[in-house]
Amino acid sequence: TLARLSNELGDGIDFRISFIGRAAGQNEFQSLHGQAEIDEDIRQL
């Protein structure tokens, strides 16, 4: 939905995405949908 909105209002929006999960140090992460979600979180960031 936000991608659709960006086509109309993109130059008026300052967008930022953050992800929900837990980090135990710099190399151990937990996310509800497992490692595949952690990987995609990182790619999107």
PDB file of all heavy atoms in Angstrom:
ATOM      1  N   THR A   1       0.832  -1.203   0.000  1.00  0.00           N
ATOM      2  CA  THR A   1       0.000   0.000   0.000  1.00  0.00           C
ATOM      3  C   THR A   1       0.866   1.252   0.000  1.00  0.00           C
ATOM      4  O   THR A   1       0.607   2.209  -0.742  1.00  0.00           O
ATOM      5  CB  THR A   1      -0.925   0.013   1.227  1.00  0.00           C
ATOM      6  OG1 THR A   1      -1.781  -1.132   1.187  1.00  0.00           O
ATOM      7  CG2 THR A   1      -1.782   1.276   1.247  1.00  0.00           C
ATOM      8  N   LEU A   2       1.912   1.238   0.823  1.00  0.00           N
ATOM      9  CA  LEU A   2       2.812   2.395   0.877  1.00  0.00           C
ATOM     10  C   LEU A   2       3.560   2.567  -0.441  1.00  0.00           C
ATOM     11  O   LEU A   2       3.856   3.700  -0.840  1.00  0.00           O
ATOM     12  CB  LEU A   2       3.800   2.232   2.032  1.00  0.00           C
ATOM     13  CG  LEU A   2       3.166   2.240   3.432  1.00  0.00           C
ATOM     14  CD1 LEU A   2       4.228   1.989   4.497  1.00  0.00           C
ATOM     15  CD2 LEU A   2       2.455   3.561   3.699  1.00  0.00           C
ATOM     16  N   ALA A   3       3.862   1.463  -1.114  1.00  0.00           N
ATOM     17  CA  ALA A   3       4.517   1.552  -2.420  1.00  0.00           C
ATOM     18  C   ALA A   3       3.603   2.256  -3.424  1.00  0.00           C
ATOM     19  O   ALA A   3       4.048   3.079  -4.231  1.00  0.00           O
ATOM     20  CB  ALA A   3       4.891   0.165  -2.922  1.00  0.00           C
ATOM     21  N   ARG A   4       2.305   1.943  -3.378  1.00  0.00           N
ATOM     22  CA  ARG A   4       1.338   2.631  -4.248  1.00  0.00           C
ATOM     23  C   ARG A   4       1.286   4.119  -3.916  1.00  0.00           C
ATOM     24  O   ARG A   4       1.273   4.971  -4.811  1.00  0.00           O
ATOM     25  CB  ARG A   4      -0.056   2.029  -4.083  1.00  0.00           C
ATOM     26  CG  ARG A   4      -0.287   0.702  -4.780  1.00  0.00           C
ATOM     27  CD  ARG A   4      -1.735   0.281  -4.593  1.00  0.00           C
ATOM     28  NE  ARG A   4      -2.659   1.255  -5.158  1.00  0.00           N
ATOM     29  CZ  ARG A   4      -3.958   1.335  -4.835  1.00  0.00           C
ATOM     30  NH1 ARG A   4      -4.454   0.518  -3.924  1.00  0.00           N
ATOM     31  NH2 ARG A   4      -4.728   2.235  -5.415  1.00  0.00           N
ATOM     32  N   LEU A   5       1.270   4.416  -2.627  1.00  0.00           N
ATOM     33  CA  LEU A   5       1.217   5.820  -2.207  1.00  0.00           C
ATOM     34  C   LEU A   5       2.464   6.587  -2.635  1.00  0.00           C
ATOM     35  O   LEU A   5       2.395   7.783  -2.932  1.00  0.00           O
ATOM     36  CB  LEU A   5       1.056   5.897  -0.689  1.00  0.00           C
ATOM     37  CG  LEU A   5      -0.358   5.654  -0.145  1.00  0.00           C
ATOM     38  CD1 LEU A   5      -0.338   5.504   1.361  1.00  0.00           C
ATOM     39  CD2 LEU A   5      -1.275   6.793  -0.557  1.00  0.00           C
ATOM     40  N   SER A   6       3.592   5.896  -2.659  1.00  0.00           N
ATOM     41  CA  SER A   6       4.835   6.571  -3.038  1.00  0.00           C
ATOM     42  C   SER A   6       4.789   7.071  -4.477  1.00  0.00           C
ATOM     43  O   SER A   6       5.468   8.038  -4.825  1.00  0.00           O
ATOM     44  CB  SER A   6       6.031   5.626  -2.857  1.00  0.00           C
ATOM     45  OG  SER A   6       6.059   4.626  -3.863  1.00  0.00           O
ATOM     46  N   ASN A   7       3.984   6.416  -5.321  1.00  0.00           N
ATOM     47  CA  ASN A   7       3.854   6.868  -6.708  1.00  0.00           C
ATOM     48  C   ASN A   7       3.172   8.231  -6.788  1.00  0.00           C
ATOM     49  O   ASN A   7       3.399   8.986  -7.729  1.00  0.00           O
ATOM     50  CB  ASN A   7       3.044   5.844  -7.516  1.00  0.00           C
ATOM     51  CG  ASN A   7       3.801   4.549  -7.713  1.00  0.00           C
ATOM     52  OD1 ASN A   7       5.027   4.535  -7.777  1.00  0.00           O
ATOM     53  ND2 ASN A   7       3.078   3.444  -7.789  1.00  0.00           N
ATOM     54  N   GLU A   8       2.322   8.539  -5.806  1.00  0.00           N
ATOM     55  CA  GLU A   8       1.603   9.813  -5.810  1.00  0.00           C
ATOM     56  C   GLU A   8       2.223  10.841  -4.873  1.00  0.00           C
ATOM     57  O   GLU A   8       2.248  12.028  -5.180  1.00  0.00           O
ATOM     58  CB  GLU A   8       0.148   9.577  -5.389  1.00  0.00           C
ATOM     59  CG  GLU A   8      -0.683   8.837  -6.407  1.00  0.00           C
ATOM     60  CD  GLU A   8      -2.164   8.898  -6.071  1.00  0.00           C
ATOM     61  OE1 GLU A   8      -2.647   9.997  -5.746  1.00  0.00           O
ATOM     62  OE2 GLU A   8      -2.825   7.857  -6.129  1.00  0.00           O
ATOM     63  N   LEU A   9       2.704  10.371  -3.734  1.00  0.00           N
ATOM     64  CA  LEU A   9       3.153  11.301  -2.698  1.00  0.00           C
ATOM     65  C   LEU A   9       4.629  11.155  -2.368  1.00  0.00           C
ATOM     66  O   LEU A   9       5.097  11.745  -1.392  1.00  0.00           O
ATOM     67  CB  LEU A   9       2.331  11.080  -1.413  1.00  0.00           C
ATOM     68  CG  LEU A   9       0.811  11.144  -1.547  1.00  0.00           C
ATOM     69  CD1 LEU A   9       0.153  10.783  -0.221  1.00  0.00           C
ATOM     70  CD2 LEU A   9       0.367  12.527  -2.000  1.00  0.00           C
ATOM     71  N   GLY A  10       5.353  10.393  -3.167  1.00  0.00           N
ATOM     72  CA  GLY A  10       6.739  10.054  -2.839  1.00  0.00           C
ATOM     73  C   GLY A  10       7.631  11.239  -2.530  1.00  0.00           C
ATOM     74  O   GLY A  10       8.457  11.181  -1.613  1.00  0.00           O
ATOM     75  N   ASP A  11       7.473  12.334  -3.279  1.00  0.00           N
ATOM     76  CA  ASP A  11       8.341  13.493  -3.048  1.00  0.00           C
ATOM     77  C   ASP A  11       7.924  14.287  -1.818  1.00  0.00           C
ATOM     78  O   ASP A  11       8.575  15.268  -1.450  1.00  0.00           O
ATOM     79  CB  ASP A  11       8.379  14.401  -4.282  1.00  0.00           C
ATOM     80  CG  ASP A  11       7.004  14.897  -4.691  1.00  0.00           C
ATOM     81  OD1 ASP A  11       6.006  14.428  -4.121  1.00  0.00           O
ATOM     82  OD2 ASP A  11       6.928  15.756  -5.587  1.00  0.00           O
ATOM     83  N   GLY A  12       6.829  13.867  -1.168  1.00  0.00           N
ATOM     84  CA  GLY A  12       6.395  14.546   0.043  1.00  0.00           C
ATOM     85  C   GLY A  12       6.519  13.678   1.291  1.00  0.00           C
ATOM     86  O   GLY A  12       6.058  14.058   2.362  1.00  0.00           O
ATOM     87  N   ILE A  13       7.150  12.506   1.137  1.00  0.00           N
ATOM     88  CA  ILE A  13       7.249  11.554   2.239  1.00  0.00           C
ATOM     89  C   ILE A  13       8.698  11.270   2.577  1.00  0.00           C
ATOM     90  O   ILE A  13       9.522  11.003   1.697  1.00  0.00           O
ATOM     91  CB  ILE A  13       6.540  10.231   1.888  1.00  0.00           C
ATOM     92  CG1 ILE A  13       5.040  10.457   1.691  1.00  0.00           C
ATOM     93  CG2 ILE A  13       6.768   9.189   2.983  1.00  0.00           C
ATOM     94  CD1 ILE A  13       4.302   9.224   1.219  1.00  0.00           C
ATOM     95  N   ASP A  14       9.006  11.310   3.848  1.00  0.00           N
ATOM     96  CA  ASP A  14      10.303  10.871   4.353  1.00  0.00           C
ATOM     97  C   ASP A  14      10.070   9.516   5.018  1.00  0.00           C
ATOM     98  O   ASP A  14       9.608   9.440   6.151  1.00  0.00           O
ATOM     99  CB  ASP A  14      10.852  11.886   5.358  1.00  0.00           C
ATOM    100  CG  ASP A  14      12.252  11.541   5.835  1.00  0.00           C
ATOM    101  OD1 ASP A  14      12.852  10.595   5.275  1.00  0.00           O
ATOM    102  OD2 ASP A  14      12.751  12.188   6.769  1.00  0.00           O
ATOM    103  N   PHE A  15      10.381   8.446   4.283  1.00  0.00           N
ATOM    104  CA  PHE A  15      10.013   7.092   4.708  1.00  0.00           C
ATOM    105  C   PHE A  15      11.194   6.353   5.319  1.00  0.00           C
ATOM    106  O   PHE A  15      12.324   6.463   4.851  1.00  0.00           O
ATOM    107  CB  PHE A  15       9.487   6.285   3.522  1.00  0.00           C
ATOM    108  CG  PHE A  15       9.184   4.847   3.843  1.00  0.00           C
ATOM    109  CD1 PHE A  15       8.060   4.514   4.586  1.00  0.00           C
ATOM    110  CD2 PHE A  15      10.022   3.837   3.402  1.00  0.00           C
ATOM    111  CE1 PHE A  15       7.784   3.188   4.893  1.00  0.00           C
ATOM    112  CE2 PHE A  15       9.752   2.504   3.703  1.00  0.00           C
ATOM    113  CZ  PHE A  15       8.626   2.180   4.448  1.00  0.00           C
ATOM    114  N   ARG A  16      10.890   5.585   6.371  1.00  0.00           N
ATOM    115  CA  ARG A  16      11.904   4.727   6.984  1.00  0.00           C
ATOM    116  C   ARG A  16      11.232   3.479   7.524  1.00  0.00           C
ATOM    117  O   ARG A  16      10.183   3.538   8.151  1.00  0.00           O
ATOM    118  CB  ARG A  16      12.642   5.448   8.107  1.00  0.00           C
ATOM    119  CG  ARG A  16      13.707   4.583   8.801  1.00  0.00           C
ATOM    120  CD  ARG A  16      14.755   5.431   9.446  1.00  0.00           C
ATOM    121  NE  ARG A  16      15.552   6.140   8.453  1.00  0.00           N
ATOM    122  CZ  ARG A  16      16.615   5.624   7.831  1.00  0.00           C
ATOM    123  NH1 ARG A  16      17.012   4.396   8.105  1.00  0.00           N
ATOM    124  NH2 ARG A  16      17.285   6.340   6.950  1.00  0.00           N
ATOM    125  N   ILE A  17      11.877   2.346   7.266  1.00  0.00           N
ATOM    126  CA  ILE A  17      11.374   1.073   7.760  1.00  0.00           C
ATOM    127  C   ILE A  17      12.332   0.520   8.806  1.00  0.00           C
ATOM    128  O   ILE A  17      13.557   0.627   8.666  1.00  0.00           O
ATOM    129  CB  ILE A  17      11.186   0.051   6.605  1.00  0.00           C
ATOM    130  CG1 ILE A  17      10.511  -1.211   7.116  1.00  0.00           C
ATOM    131  CG2 ILE A  17      12.498  -0.264   5.919  1.00  0.00           C
ATOM    132  CD1 ILE A  17      10.073  -2.144   5.999  1.00  0.00           C
ATOM    133  N   SER A  18      11.766  -0.007   9.877  1.00  0.00           N
ATOM    134  CA  SER A  18      12.534  -0.697  10.915  1.00  0.00           C
ATOM    135  C   SER A  18      11.868  -2.036  11.172  1.00  0.00           C
ATOM    136  O   SER A  18      10.661  -2.196  10.944  1.00  0.00           O
ATOM    137  CB  SER A  18      12.589   0.130  12.208  1.00  0.00           C
ATOM    138  OG  SER A  18      13.256   1.354  12.005  1.00  0.00           O
ATOM    139  N   PHE A  19      12.645  -2.983  11.680  1.00  0.00           N
ATOM    140  CA  PHE A  19      12.115  -4.331  11.844  1.00  0.00           C
ATOM    141  C   PHE A  19      12.005  -4.725  13.305  1.00  0.00           C
ATOM    142  O   PHE A  19      12.724  -4.221  14.169  1.00  0.00           O
ATOM    143  CB  PHE A  19      12.956  -5.328  11.056  1.00  0.00           C
ATOM    144  CG  PHE A  19      12.831  -5.134   9.575  1.00  0.00           C
ATOM    145  CD1 PHE A  19      13.837  -4.526   8.845  1.00  0.00           C
ATOM    146  CD2 PHE A  19      11.672  -5.516   8.916  1.00  0.00           C
ATOM    147  CE1 PHE A  19      13.698  -4.315   7.484  1.00  0.00           C
ATOM    148  CE2 PHE A  19      11.524  -5.309   7.556  1.00  0.00           C
ATOM    149  CZ  PHE A  19      12.541  -4.714   6.833  1.00  0.00           C
ATOM    150  N   ILE A  20      11.094  -5.654  13.556  1.00  0.00           N
ATOM    151  CA  ILE A  20      10.788  -6.101  14.901  1.00  0.00           C
ATOM    152  C   ILE A  20      11.452  -7.446  15.148  1.00  0.00           C
ATOM    153  O   ILE A  20      11.233  -8.409  14.396  1.00  0.00           O
ATOM    154  CB  ILE A  20       9.266  -6.212  15.094  1.00  0.00           C
ATOM    155  CG1 ILE A  20       8.617  -4.832  14.884  1.00  0.00           C
ATOM    156  CG2 ILE A  20       8.927  -6.772  16.468  1.00  0.00           C
ATOM    157  CD1 ILE A  20       7.101  -4.879  14.818  1.00  0.00           C
ATOM    158  N   GLY A  21      12.267  -7.510  16.187  1.00  0.00           N
ATOM    159  CA  GLY A  21      12.948  -8.755  16.532  1.00  0.00           C
ATOM    160  C   GLY A  21      13.866  -8.526  17.712  1.00  0.00           C
ATOM    161  O   GLY A  21      13.823  -7.468  18.353  1.00  0.00           O
ATOM    162  N   ARG A  22      14.705  -9.491  17.984  1.00  0.00           N
ATOM    163  CA  ARG A  22      15.641  -9.391  19.110  1.00  0.00           C
ATOM    164  C   ARG A  22      17.055  -9.689  18.641  1.00  0.00           C
ATOM    165  O   ARG A  22      17.270 -10.559  17.799  1.00  0.00           O
ATOM    166  CB  ARG A  22      15.258 -10.369  20.224  1.00  0.00           C
ATOM    167  CG  ARG A  22      13.954 -10.026  20.925  1.00  0.00           C
ATOM    168  CD  ARG A  22      13.670 -11.021  22.041  1.00  0.00           C
ATOM    169  NE  ARG A  22      12.443 -10.681  22.753  1.00  0.00           N
ATOM    170  CZ  ARG A  22      12.387  -9.832  23.768  1.00  0.00           C
ATOM    171  NH1 ARG A  22      13.505  -9.236  24.188  1.00  0.00           N
ATOM    172  NH2 ARG A  22      11.240  -9.570  24.376  1.00  0.00           N
ATOM    173  N   ALA A  23      17.994  -8.950  19.199  1.00  0.00           N
ATOM    174  CA  ALA A  23      19.411  -9.176  18.893  1.00  0.00           C
ATOM    175  C   ALA A  23      20.138  -9.541  20.176  1.00  0.00           C
ATOM    176  O   ALA A  23      19.998  -8.858  21.192  1.00  0.00           O
ATOM    177  CB  ALA A  23      20.021  -7.926  18.275  1.00  0.00           C
ATOM    178  N   ALA A  24      20.904 -10.628  20.119  1.00  0.00           N
ATOM    179  CA  ALA A  24      21.760 -11.016  21.240  1.00  0.00           C
ATOM    180  C   ALA A  24      23.194 -10.812  20.784  1.00  0.00           C
ATOM    181  O   ALA A  24      23.821 -11.681  20.207  1.00  0.00           O
ATOM    182  CB  ALA A  24      21.512 -12.472  21.639  1.00  0.00           C
ATOM    183  N   GLY A  25      23.695  -9.583  20.964  1.00  0.00           N
ATOM    184  CA  GLY A  25      25.003  -9.248  20.427  1.00  0.00           C
ATOM    185  C   GLY A  25      24.886  -8.818  18.977  1.00  0.00           C
ATOM    186  O   GLY A  25      23.822  -8.403  18.500  1.00  0.00           O
ATOM    187  N   GLN A  26      25.997  -8.953  18.255  1.00  0.00           N
ATOM    188  CA  GLN A  26      26.046  -8.500  16.862  1.00  0.00           C
ATOM    189  C   GLN A  26      25.806  -9.611  15.849  1.00  0.00           C
ATOM    190  O   GLN A  26      25.714  -9.342  14.651  1.00  0.00           O
ATOM    191  CB  GLN A  26      27.423  -7.870  16.580  1.00  0.00           C
ATOM    192  CG  GLN A  26      27.698  -6.602  17.389  1.00  0.00           C
ATOM    193  CD  GLN A  26      26.837  -5.435  16.939  1.00  0.00           C
ATOM    194  OE1 GLN A  26      26.577  -5.248  15.761  1.00  0.00           O
ATOM    195  NE2 GLN A  26      26.386  -4.631  17.904  1.00  0.00           N
ATOM    196  N   ASN A  27      25.690 -10.842  16.307  1.00  0.00           N
ATOM    197  CA  ASN A  27      25.611 -11.952  15.353  1.00  0.00           C
ATOM    198  C   ASN A  27      24.472 -12.925  15.623  1.00  0.00           C
ATOM    199  O   ASN A  27      24.270 -13.850  14.836  1.00  0.00           O
ATOM    200  CB  ASN A  27      26.930 -12.735  15.337  1.00  0.00           C
ATOM    201  CG  ASN A  27      28.097 -11.903  14.840  1.00  0.00           C
ATOM    202  OD1 ASN A  27      28.066 -11.402  13.718  1.00  0.00           O
ATOM    203  ND2 ASN A  27      29.109 -11.729  15.668  1.00  0.00           N
ATOM    204  N   GLU A  28      23.736 -12.762  16.692  1.00  0.00           N
ATOM    205  CA  GLU A  28      22.639 -13.665  17.000  1.00  0.00           C
ATOM    206  C   GLU A  28      21.327 -12.885  17.002  1.00  0.00           C
ATOM    207  O   GLU A  28      21.166 -11.925  17.749  1.00  0.00           O
ATOM    208  CB  GLU A  28      22.855 -14.337  18.358  1.00  0.00           C
ATOM    209  CG  GLU A  28      24.076 -15.260  18.399  1.00  0.00           C
ATOM    210  CD  GLU A  28      24.214 -15.944  19.740  1.00  0.00           C
ATOM    211  OE1 GLU A  28      23.198 -16.039  20.470  1.00  0.00           O
ATOM    212  OE2 GLU A  28      25.324 -16.388  20.060  1.00  0.00           O
ATOM    213  N   PHE A  29      20.405 -13.333  16.154  1.00  0.00           N
ATOM    214  CA  PHE A  29      19.152 -12.612  15.993  1.00  0.00           C
ATOM    215  C   PHE A  29      17.969 -13.568  16.108  1.00  0.00           C
ATOM    216  O   PHE A  29      18.076 -14.744  15.756  1.00  0.00           O
ATOM    217  CB  PHE A  29      19.108 -11.912  14.626  1.00  0.00           C
ATOM    218  CG  PHE A  29      20.301 -11.051  14.354  1.00  0.00           C
ATOM    219  CD1 PHE A  29      21.297 -11.465  13.477  1.00  0.00           C
ATOM    220  CD2 PHE A  29      20.447  -9.825  14.987  1.00  0.00           C
ATOM    221  CE1 PHE A  29      22.400 -10.676  13.224  1.00  0.00           C
ATOM    222  CE2 PHE A  29      21.548  -9.022  14.742  1.00  0.00           C
ATOM    223  CZ  PHE A  29      22.532  -9.451  13.860  1.00  0.00           C
ATOM    224  N   GLN A  30      16.867 -13.027  16.576  1.00  0.00           N
ATOM    225  CA  GLN A  30      15.629 -13.797  16.665  1.00  0.00           C
ATOM    226  C   GLN A  30      14.505 -13.004  16.013  1.00  0.00           C
ATOM    227  O   GLN A  30      14.360 -11.793  16.239  1.00  0.00           O
ATOM    228  CB  GLN A  30      15.272 -14.081  18.126  1.00  0.00           C
ATOM    229  CG  GLN A  30      16.257 -14.988  18.842  1.00  0.00           C
ATOM    230  CD  GLN A  30      15.873 -15.205  20.299  1.00  0.00           C
ATOM    231  OE1 GLN A  30      14.966 -14.556  20.812  1.00  0.00           O
ATOM    232  NE2 GLN A  30      16.573 -16.114  20.961  1.00  0.00           N
ATOM    233  N   SER A  31      13.724 -13.694  15.195  1.00  0.00           N
ATOM    234  CA  SER A  31      12.577 -13.073  14.546  1.00  0.00           C
ATOM    235  C   SER A  31      11.475 -14.119  14.438  1.00  0.00           C
ATOM    236  O   SER A  31      11.757 -15.319  14.343  1.00  0.00           O
ATOM    237  CB  SER A  31      12.953 -12.562  13.155  1.00  0.00           C
ATOM    238  OG  SER A  31      11.930 -11.727  12.631  1.00  0.00           O
ATOM    239  N   LEU A  32      10.233 -13.680  14.486  1.00  0.00           N
ATOM    240  CA  LEU A  32       9.098 -14.593  14.569  1.00  0.00           C
ATOM    241  C   LEU A  32       9.080 -15.629  13.454  1.00  0.00           C
ATOM    242  O   LEU A  32       8.724 -16.789  13.672  1.00  0.00           O
ATOM    243  CB  LEU A  32       7.792 -13.788  14.551  1.00  0.00           C
ATOM    244  CG  LEU A  32       6.495 -14.586  14.720  1.00  0.00           C
ATOM    245  CD1 LEU A  32       6.474 -15.278  16.078  1.00  0.00           C
ATOM    246  CD2 LEU A  32       5.281 -13.671  14.564  1.00  0.00           C
ATOM    247  N   HIS A  33       9.470 -15.239  12.255  1.00  0.00           N
ATOM    248  CA  HIS A  33       9.397 -16.141  11.102  1.00  0.00           C
ATOM    249  C   HIS A  33      10.747 -16.755  10.736  1.00  0.00           C
ATOM    250  O   HIS A  33      10.944 -17.208   9.613  1.00  0.00           O
ATOM    251  CB  HIS A  33       8.790 -15.406   9.905  1.00  0.00           C
ATOM    252  CG  HIS A  33       7.419 -14.865  10.168  1.00  0.00           C
ATOM    253  ND1 HIS A  33       7.208 -13.579  10.629  1.00  0.00           N
ATOM    254  CD2 HIS A  33       6.190 -15.437  10.071  1.00  0.00           C
ATOM    255  CE1 HIS A  33       5.898 -13.376  10.782  1.00  0.00           C
ATOM    256  NE2 HIS A  33       5.272 -14.484  10.450  1.00  0.00           N
ATOM    257  N   GLY A  34      11.675 -16.749  11.672  1.00  0.00           N
ATOM    258  CA  GLY A  34      12.913 -17.487  11.503  1.00  0.00           C
ATOM    259  C   GLY A  34      14.008 -16.798  10.706  1.00  0.00           C
ATOM    260  O   GLY A  34      13.957 -15.587  10.448  1.00  0.00           O
ATOM    261  N   GLN A  35      14.986 -17.610  10.307  1.00  0.00           N
ATOM    262  CA  GLN A  35      16.177 -17.084   9.645  1.00  0.00           C
ATOM    263  C   GLN A  35      15.864 -16.430   8.304  1.00  0.00           C
ATOM    264  O   GLN A  35      16.495 -15.434   7.925  1.00  0.00           O
ATOM    265  CB  GLN A  35      17.201 -18.213   9.438  1.00  0.00           C
ATOM    266  CG  GLN A  35      18.542 -17.757   8.889  1.00  0.00           C
ATOM    267  CD  GLN A  35      19.239 -16.785   9.818  1.00  0.00           C
ATOM    268  OE1 GLN A  35      19.289 -17.002  11.025  1.00  0.00           O
ATOM    269  NE2 GLN A  35      19.803 -15.714   9.269  1.00  0.00           N
ATOM    270  N   ALA A  36      14.906 -16.975   7.584  1.00  0.00           N
ATOM    271  CA  ALA A  36      14.551 -16.392   6.280  1.00  0.00           C
ATOM    272  C   ALA A  36      14.088 -14.951   6.452  1.00  0.00           C
ATOM    273  O   ALA A  36      14.389 -14.089   5.614  1.00  0.00           O
ATOM    274  CB  ALA A  36      13.464 -17.227   5.605  1.00  0.00           C
ATOM    275  N   GLU A  37      13.372 -14.686   7.533  1.00  0.00           N
ATOM    276  CA  GLU A  37      12.911 -13.316   7.789  1.00  0.00           C
ATOM    277  C   GLU A  37      14.071 -12.410   8.188  1.00  0.00           C
ATOM    278  O   GLU A  37      14.147 -11.256   7.747  1.00  0.00           O
ATOM    279  CB  GLU A  37      11.859 -13.317   8.888  1.00  0.00           C
ATOM    280  CG  GLU A  37      11.264 -11.942   9.155  1.00  0.00           C
ATOM    281  CD  GLU A  37      10.004 -12.036   9.985  1.00  0.00           C
ATOM    282  OE1 GLU A  37      10.108 -12.367  11.194  1.00  0.00           O
ATOM    283  OE2 GLU A  37       8.918 -11.791   9.413  1.00  0.00           O
ATOM    284  N   ILE A  38      14.965 -12.927   8.995  1.00  0.00           N
ATOM    285  CA  ILE A  38      16.150 -12.147   9.377  1.00  0.00           C
ATOM    286  C   ILE A  38      16.942 -11.749   8.141  1.00  0.00           C
ATOM    287  O   ILE A  38      17.372 -10.597   7.997  1.00  0.00           O
ATOM    288  CB  ILE A  38      17.029 -12.955  10.352  1.00  0.00           C
ATOM    289  CG1 ILE A  38      16.302 -13.119  11.694  1.00  0.00           C
ATOM    290  CG2 ILE A  38      18.388 -12.289  10.547  1.00  0.00           C
ATOM    291  CD1 ILE A  38      16.959 -14.105  12.630  1.00  0.00           C
ATOM    292  N   ASP A  39      17.113 -12.691   7.241  1.00  0.00           N
ATOM    293  CA  ASP A  39      17.867 -12.415   6.014  1.00  0.00           C
ATOM    294  C   ASP A  39      17.194 -11.332   5.175  1.00  0.00           C
ATOM    295  O   ASP A  39      17.865 -10.420   4.668  1.00  0.00           O
ATOM    296  CB  ASP A  39      18.014 -13.693   5.184  1.00  0.00           C
ATOM    297  CG  ASP A  39      18.941 -14.714   5.832  1.00  0.00           C
ATOM    298  OD1 ASP A  39      19.685 -14.340   6.752  1.00  0.00           O
ATOM    299  OD2 ASP A  39      18.898 -15.890   5.413  1.00  0.00           O
ATOM    300  N   GLU A  40      15.871 -11.425   5.040  1.00  0.00           N
ATOM    301  CA  GLU A  40      15.169 -10.430   4.218  1.00  0.00           C
ATOM    302  C   GLU A  40      15.128  -9.078   4.914  1.00  0.00           C
ATOM    303  O   GLU A  40      15.200  -8.036   4.262  1.00  0.00           O
ATOM    304  CB  GLU A  40      13.758 -10.904   3.876  1.00  0.00           C
ATOM    305  CG  GLU A  40      12.976  -9.967   2.967  1.00  0.00           C
ATOM    306  CD  GLU A  40      13.696  -9.651   1.656  1.00  0.00           C
ATOM    307  OE1 GLU A  40      14.547 -10.451   1.208  1.00  0.00           O
ATOM    308  OE2 GLU A  40      13.407  -8.579   1.089  1.00  0.00           O
ATOM    309  N   ASP A  41      15.044  -9.092   6.255  1.00  0.00           N
ATOM    310  CA  ASP A  41      15.162  -7.825   6.998  1.00  0.00           C
ATOM    311  C   ASP A  41      16.455  -7.115   6.620  1.00  0.00           C
ATOM    312  O   ASP A  41      16.461  -5.912   6.318  1.00  0.00           O
ATOM    313  CB  ASP A  41      15.183  -8.087   8.512  1.00  0.00           C
ATOM    314  CG  ASP A  41      13.837  -8.513   9.077  1.00  0.00           C
ATOM    315  OD1 ASP A  41      12.834  -8.490   8.330  1.00  0.00           O
ATOM    316  OD2 ASP A  41      13.801  -8.869  10.270  1.00  0.00           O
ATOM    317  N   ILE A  42      17.539  -7.864   6.644  1.00  0.00           N
ATOM    318  CA  ILE A  42      18.856  -7.270   6.359  1.00  0.00           C
ATOM    319  C   ILE A  42      18.912  -6.757   4.931  1.00  0.00           C
ATOM    320  O   ILE A  42      19.403  -5.646   4.674  1.00  0.00           O
ATOM    321  CB  ILE A  42      19.982  -8.290   6.615  1.00  0.00           C
ATOM    322  CG1 ILE A  42      20.038  -8.650   8.108  1.00  0.00           C
ATOM    323  CG2 ILE A  42      21.330  -7.736   6.156  1.00  0.00           C
ATOM    324  CD1 ILE A  42      21.043  -9.744   8.450  1.00  0.00           C
ATOM    325  N   ARG A  43      18.404  -7.530   3.985  1.00  0.00           N
ATOM    326  CA  ARG A  43      18.451  -7.090   2.585  1.00  0.00           C
ATOM    327  C   ARG A  43      17.671  -5.800   2.397  1.00  0.00           C
ATOM    328  O   ARG A  43      18.126  -4.872   1.712  1.00  0.00           O
ATOM    329  CB  ARG A  43      17.911  -8.199   1.668  1.00  0.00           C
ATOM    330  CG  ARG A  43      18.897  -9.329   1.428  1.00  0.00           C
ATOM    331  CD  ARG A  43      18.401 -10.266   0.331  1.00  0.00           C
ATOM    332  NE  ARG A  43      17.254 -11.047   0.767  1.00  0.00           N
ATOM    333  CZ  ARG A  43      17.333 -12.263   1.299  1.00  0.00           C
ATOM    334  NH1 ARG A  43      18.516 -12.837   1.486  1.00  0.00           N
ATOM    335  NH2 ARG A  43      16.239 -12.925   1.642  1.00  0.00           N
ATOM    336  N   GLN A  44      16.491  -5.714   2.997  1.00  0.00           N
ATOM    337  CA  GLN A  44      15.696  -4.495   2.845  1.00  0.00           C
ATOM    338  C   GLN A  44      16.374  -3.297   3.499  1.00  0.00           C
ATOM    339  O   GLN A  44      16.320  -2.184   2.975  1.00  0.00           O
ATOM    340  CB  GLN A  44      14.294  -4.715   3.421  1.00  0.00           C
ATOM    341  CG  GLN A  44      13.463  -5.694   2.604  1.00  0.00           C
ATOM    342  CD  GLN A  44      12.026  -5.811   3.077  1.00  0.00           C
ATOM    343  OE1 GLN A  44      11.504  -4.937   3.781  1.00  0.00           O
ATOM    344  NE2 GLN A  44      11.355  -6.885   2.685  1.00  0.00           N
ATOM    345  N   LEU A  45      17.028  -3.520   4.619  1.00  0.00           N
ATOM    346  CA  LEU A  45      17.767  -2.433   5.271  1.00  0.00           C
ATOM    347  C   LEU A  45      18.956  -1.992   4.422  1.00  0.00           C
ATOM    348  O   LEU A  45      19.275  -0.799   4.362  1.00  0.00           O
ATOM    349  CB  LEU A  45      18.241  -2.879   6.653  1.00  0.00           C
ATOM    350  CG  LEU A  45      17.132  -3.050   7.709  1.00  0.00           C
ATOM    351  CD1 LEU A  45      17.685  -3.736   8.949  1.00  0.00           C
ATOM    352  CD2 LEU A  45      16.509  -1.708   8.070  1.00  0.00           C
TER     353      LEU A  45
END
